[in-house]
Amino acid sequence: MSETVLCAVPIKTVKVLGIPKSFALIVTDQRTILVPLTSEMLKQAVAEARDEAGSEGKGFLGKWAAQMKASLGYTSRFLGMEPEEILRQYPEHTVTPNEGFTKVRIRSRQDTNRNLTLWYLLLHGPGGKTKYELPSRTSDVVAALKQAYGSRFKG
């Protein structure tokens, strides 16, 4: 049976002091993969998108739109990749079998100062509890997490 990527979302570590680290969370039907996202990776993706838009004859706005799409949608590239290919291309990854998580939760917190809802993903795994900030709580991500973690997921 082949392994299927269910979702890929950008997440950040939650830091009280210090700079948060960005990751791509790639959840398959068998494993959870964390790929560190570096500014160099994003810069390269933006440059490639700009060059491709230029070679297609797009003007300033077309290049700008391509750059924004590449930057904001970077993690979507993982949806079309085989998990083994992700692991080969990104050697700094961390992998945990889905069965290794005892609880997976999505929680929210209201930030009244900025008038917005903050979303957090809590992974209770072999190394303890880890908290990540999610950009949003979408139905497709919730469905993927339910499929991957079953009754251990509450969201």
C-alpha atoms as a PDB file:
ATOM      1  CA  MET A   1       0.000   0.000   0.000  1.00  0.00           C
ATOM      2  CA  SER A   2       1.434   3.379  -0.960  1.00  0.00           C
ATOM      3  CA  GLU A   3       1.630   6.286   1.444  1.00  0.00           C
ATOM      4  CA  THR A   4      -0.515   9.349   0.701  1.00  0.00           C
ATOM      5  CA  VAL A   5       0.071  12.974   1.673  1.00  0.00           C
ATOM      6  CA  LEU A   6      -3.140  14.178   3.328  1.00  0.00           C
ATOM      7  CA  CYS A   7      -2.206  17.802   4.028  1.00  0.00           C
ATOM      8  CA  ALA A   8       0.700  20.221   4.108  1.00  0.00           C
ATOM      9  CA  VAL A   9       0.453  23.411   6.167  1.00  0.00           C
ATOM     10  CA  PRO A  10       2.868  26.072   7.364  1.00  0.00           C
ATOM     11  CA  ILE A  11       3.332  26.188  11.132  1.00  0.00           C
ATOM     12  CA  LYS A  12       5.546  28.077  13.567  1.00  0.00           C
ATOM     13  CA  THR A  13       6.911  27.162  16.955  1.00  0.00           C
ATOM     14  CA  VAL A  14       5.445  29.173  19.796  1.00  0.00           C
ATOM     15  CA  LYS A  15       8.196  31.052  21.601  1.00  0.00           C
ATOM     16  CA  VAL A  16       7.791  33.265  24.634  1.00  0.00           C
ATOM     17  CA  LEU A  17      11.235  34.757  24.079  1.00  0.00           C
ATOM     18  CA  GLY A  18      13.188  34.437  20.883  1.00  0.00           C
ATOM     19  CA  ILE A  19      12.351  33.993  17.244  1.00  0.00           C
ATOM     20  CA  PRO A  20       9.778  31.372  16.231  1.00  0.00           C
ATOM     21  CA  LYS A  21      10.924  28.727  13.762  1.00  0.00           C
ATOM     22  CA  SER A  22       8.856  27.980  10.667  1.00  0.00           C
ATOM     23  CA  PHE A  23       8.066  24.475   9.452  1.00  0.00           C
ATOM     24  CA  ALA A  24       6.006  22.690   6.860  1.00  0.00           C
ATOM     25  CA  LEU A  25       3.812  20.117   8.602  1.00  0.00           C
ATOM     26  CA  ILE A  26       3.207  17.285   6.155  1.00  0.00           C
ATOM     27  CA  VAL A  27       0.729  14.686   7.364  1.00  0.00           C
ATOM     28  CA  THR A  28       0.417  11.390   5.530  1.00  0.00           C
ATOM     29  CA  ASP A  29      -1.807   8.443   6.280  1.00  0.00           C
ATOM     30  CA  GLN A  30       1.185   6.811   8.037  1.00  0.00           C
ATOM     31  CA  ARG A  31       3.619   9.499   9.205  1.00  0.00           C
ATOM     32  CA  THR A  32       3.952  13.118  10.275  1.00  0.00           C
ATOM     33  CA  ILE A  33       6.846  14.973   8.670  1.00  0.00           C
ATOM     34  CA  LEU A  34       8.222  18.315   9.842  1.00  0.00           C
ATOM     35  CA  VAL A  35      10.403  20.170   7.353  1.00  0.00           C
ATOM     36  CA  PRO A  36      12.156  23.324   8.597  1.00  0.00           C
ATOM     37  CA  LEU A  37      11.433  26.282   6.318  1.00  0.00           C
ATOM     38  CA  THR A  38      14.315  28.678   5.875  1.00  0.00           C
ATOM     39  CA  SER A  39      14.342  32.152   4.394  1.00  0.00           C
ATOM     40  CA  GLU A  40      16.697  30.828   1.704  1.00  0.00           C
ATOM     41  CA  MET A  41      14.111  28.248   0.608  1.00  0.00           C
ATOM     42  CA  LEU A  42      11.413  30.902   0.332  1.00  0.00           C
ATOM     43  CA  LYS A  43      13.709  33.338  -1.493  1.00  0.00           C
ATOM     44  CA  GLN A  44      14.594  30.630  -4.013  1.00  0.00           C
ATOM     45  CA  ALA A  45      10.924  29.781  -4.583  1.00  0.00           C
ATOM     46  CA  VAL A  46      10.071  33.467  -5.099  1.00  0.00           C
ATOM     47  CA  ALA A  47      12.981  33.928  -7.543  1.00  0.00           C
ATOM     48  CA  GLU A  48      11.959  30.824  -9.514  1.00  0.00           C
ATOM     49  CA  ALA A  49       8.346  32.034  -9.690  1.00  0.00           C
ATOM     50  CA  ARG A  50       9.448  35.502 -10.863  1.00  0.00           C
ATOM     51  CA  ASP A  51      11.729  34.028 -13.535  1.00  0.00           C
ATOM     52  CA  GLU A  52       9.032  31.633 -14.738  1.00  0.00           C
ATOM     53  CA  ALA A  53       6.481  34.449 -14.954  1.00  0.00           C
ATOM     54  CA  GLY A  54       9.018  36.515 -16.915  1.00  0.00           C
ATOM     55  CA  SER A  55       9.695  33.673 -19.347  1.00  0.00           C
ATOM     56  CA  GLU A  56       5.912  33.401 -19.886  1.00  0.00           C
ATOM     57  CA  GLY A  57       5.898  37.060 -20.920  1.00  0.00           C
ATOM     58  CA  LYS A  58       4.105  38.365 -17.855  1.00  0.00           C
ATOM     59  CA  GLY A  59       4.641  41.964 -16.854  1.00  0.00           C
ATOM     60  CA  PHE A  60       5.278  43.547 -13.473  1.00  0.00           C
ATOM     61  CA  LEU A  61       1.901  42.617 -11.941  1.00  0.00           C
ATOM     62  CA  GLY A  62       2.072  39.074 -13.269  1.00  0.00           C
ATOM     63  CA  LYS A  63       5.540  38.611 -11.788  1.00  0.00           C
ATOM     64  CA  TRP A  64       4.432  40.150  -8.490  1.00  0.00           C
ATOM     65  CA  ALA A  65       1.395  37.828  -8.297  1.00  0.00           C
ATOM     66  CA  ALA A  66       3.574  34.793  -9.045  1.00  0.00           C
ATOM     67  CA  GLN A  67       6.012  35.815  -6.309  1.00  0.00           C
ATOM     68  CA  MET A  68       3.199  36.236  -3.755  1.00  0.00           C
ATOM     69  CA  LYS A  69       1.702  32.864  -4.672  1.00  0.00           C
ATOM     70  CA  ALA A  70       5.102  31.163  -4.333  1.00  0.00           C
ATOM     71  CA  SER A  71       5.768  32.756  -0.963  1.00  0.00           C
ATOM     72  CA  LEU A  72       2.347  32.287   0.627  1.00  0.00           C
ATOM     73  CA  GLY A  73       1.677  28.871  -0.885  1.00  0.00           C
ATOM     74  CA  TYR A  74       5.117  27.334  -0.415  1.00  0.00           C
ATOM     75  CA  THR A  75       3.870  24.306   1.521  1.00  0.00           C
ATOM     76  CA  SER A  76       1.398  23.375  -1.222  1.00  0.00           C
ATOM     77  CA  ARG A  77       4.342  21.997  -3.224  1.00  0.00           C
ATOM     78  CA  PHE A  78       4.452  19.053  -0.798  1.00  0.00           C
ATOM     79  CA  LEU A  79       0.914  17.939  -1.726  1.00  0.00           C
ATOM     80  CA  GLY A  80       2.058  16.672  -5.100  1.00  0.00           C
ATOM     81  CA  MET A  81       5.182  14.914  -3.816  1.00  0.00           C
ATOM     82  CA  GLU A  82       5.715  11.365  -2.654  1.00  0.00           C
ATOM     83  CA  PRO A  83       6.691  11.230   1.048  1.00  0.00           C
ATOM     84  CA  GLU A  84      10.014   9.526   0.250  1.00  0.00           C
ATOM     85  CA  GLU A  85      10.824  12.298  -2.220  1.00  0.00           C
ATOM     86  CA  ILE A  86      10.170  14.910   0.497  1.00  0.00           C
ATOM     87  CA  LEU A  87      12.518  13.088   2.861  1.00  0.00           C
ATOM     88  CA  ARG A  88      15.249  12.923   0.188  1.00  0.00           C
ATOM     89  CA  GLN A  89      14.960  16.563  -0.852  1.00  0.00           C
ATOM     90  CA  TYR A  90      14.792  17.953   2.687  1.00  0.00           C
ATOM     91  CA  PRO A  91      17.355  16.099   4.815  1.00  0.00           C
ATOM     92  CA  GLU A  92      16.718  18.278   7.895  1.00  0.00           C
ATOM     93  CA  HIS A  93      13.259  16.721   8.337  1.00  0.00           C
ATOM     94  CA  THR A  94      11.807  15.077  11.438  1.00  0.00           C
ATOM     95  CA  VAL A  95       9.526  12.068  11.054  1.00  0.00           C
ATOM     96  CA  THR A  96       7.149  10.527  13.587  1.00  0.00           C
ATOM     97  CA  PRO A  97       4.814   7.614  12.875  1.00  0.00           C
ATOM     98  CA  ASN A  98       1.209   8.758  13.358  1.00  0.00           C
ATOM     99  CA  GLU A  99       0.757   6.045  15.984  1.00  0.00           C
ATOM    100  CA  GLY A 100       3.473   7.794  18.015  1.00  0.00           C
ATOM    101  CA  PHE A 101       1.097  10.627  18.905  1.00  0.00           C
ATOM    102  CA  THR A 102      -1.135  10.049  21.915  1.00  0.00           C
ATOM    103  CA  LYS A 103      -3.159  13.251  21.418  1.00  0.00           C
ATOM    104  CA  VAL A 104      -3.448  15.852  18.671  1.00  0.00           C
ATOM    105  CA  ARG A 105      -5.470  19.004  19.320  1.00  0.00           C
ATOM    106  CA  ILE A 106      -6.361  22.263  17.631  1.00  0.00           C
ATOM    107  CA  ARG A 107      -7.061  25.067  20.085  1.00  0.00           C
ATOM    108  CA  SER A 108      -7.931  28.713  19.636  1.00  0.00           C
ATOM    109  CA  ARG A 109      -7.284  31.859  21.624  1.00  0.00           C
ATOM    110  CA  GLN A 110      -8.809  35.279  21.131  1.00  0.00           C
ATOM    111  CA  ASP A 111      -6.313  38.115  20.878  1.00  0.00           C
ATOM    112  CA  THR A 112      -8.475  41.081  21.853  1.00  0.00           C
ATOM    113  CA  ASN A 113      -5.653  43.585  21.339  1.00  0.00           C
ATOM    114  CA  ARG A 114      -5.379  42.687  17.644  1.00  0.00           C
ATOM    115  CA  ASN A 115      -9.008  41.543  17.306  1.00  0.00           C
ATOM    116  CA  LEU A 116      -8.211  38.132  15.841  1.00  0.00           C
ATOM    117  CA  THR A 117      -8.303  34.438  16.607  1.00  0.00           C
ATOM    118  CA  LEU A 118      -5.012  32.602  17.016  1.00  0.00           C
ATOM    119  CA  TRP A 119      -4.964  28.879  16.193  1.00  0.00           C
ATOM    120  CA  TYR A 120      -2.629  26.352  17.780  1.00  0.00           C
ATOM    121  CA  LEU A 121      -1.784  22.739  17.011  1.00  0.00           C
ATOM    122  CA  LEU A 122      -0.753  20.649  20.011  1.00  0.00           C
ATOM    123  CA  LEU A 123       1.075  17.401  19.307  1.00  0.00           C
ATOM    124  CA  HIS A 124       1.511  15.004  22.226  1.00  0.00           C
ATOM    125  CA  GLY A 125       4.227  12.661  20.999  1.00  0.00           C
ATOM    126  CA  PRO A 126       7.326  10.718  21.989  1.00  0.00           C
ATOM    127  CA  GLY A 127       9.163  13.901  23.014  1.00  0.00           C
ATOM    128  CA  GLY A 128       6.282  15.329  25.052  1.00  0.00           C
ATOM    129  CA  LYS A 129       3.860  18.085  24.112  1.00  0.00           C
ATOM    130  CA  THR A 130       4.786  20.522  21.339  1.00  0.00           C
ATOM    131  CA  LYS A 131       2.751  23.609  20.483  1.00  0.00           C
ATOM    132  CA  TYR A 132       2.702  25.187  17.021  1.00  0.00           C
ATOM    133  CA  GLU A 133       0.891  28.205  15.643  1.00  0.00           C
ATOM    134  CA  LEU A 134      -1.387  27.513  12.663  1.00  0.00           C
ATOM    135  CA  PRO A 135      -2.303  30.185  10.113  1.00  0.00           C
ATOM    136  CA  SER A 136      -5.974  29.142  10.324  1.00  0.00           C
ATOM    137  CA  ARG A 137      -8.295  26.229  11.028  1.00  0.00           C
ATOM    138  CA  THR A 138      -9.650  24.988   7.719  1.00  0.00           C
ATOM    139  CA  SER A 139     -12.039  22.107   7.169  1.00  0.00           C
ATOM    140  CA  ASP A 140      -9.642  20.279   4.824  1.00  0.00           C
ATOM    141  CA  VAL A 141      -6.852  20.329   7.441  1.00  0.00           C
ATOM    142  CA  VAL A 142      -9.259  19.149  10.156  1.00  0.00           C
ATOM    143  CA  ALA A 143     -10.451  16.301   7.907  1.00  0.00           C
ATOM    144  CA  ALA A 144      -6.859  15.280   7.137  1.00  0.00           C
ATOM    145  CA  LEU A 145      -5.905  15.272  10.824  1.00  0.00           C
ATOM    146  CA  LYS A 146      -8.985  13.196  11.683  1.00  0.00           C
ATOM    147  CA  GLN A 147      -8.033  10.698   8.988  1.00  0.00           C
ATOM    148  CA  ALA A 148      -4.402  10.508  10.124  1.00  0.00           C
ATOM    149  CA  TYR A 149      -4.885  10.366  13.906  1.00  0.00           C
ATOM    150  CA  GLY A 150      -8.402   8.993  14.301  1.00  0.00           C
ATOM    151  CA  SER A 151      -9.874   9.276  17.793  1.00  0.00           C
ATOM    152  CA  ARG A 152      -6.652  10.819  19.124  1.00  0.00           C
ATOM    153  CA  PHE A 153      -7.514  14.040  17.263  1.00  0.00           C
ATOM    154  CA  LYS A 154      -9.830  16.679  18.681  1.00  0.00           C
ATOM    155  CA  GLY A 155     -10.206  19.838  16.730  1.00  0.00           C
END
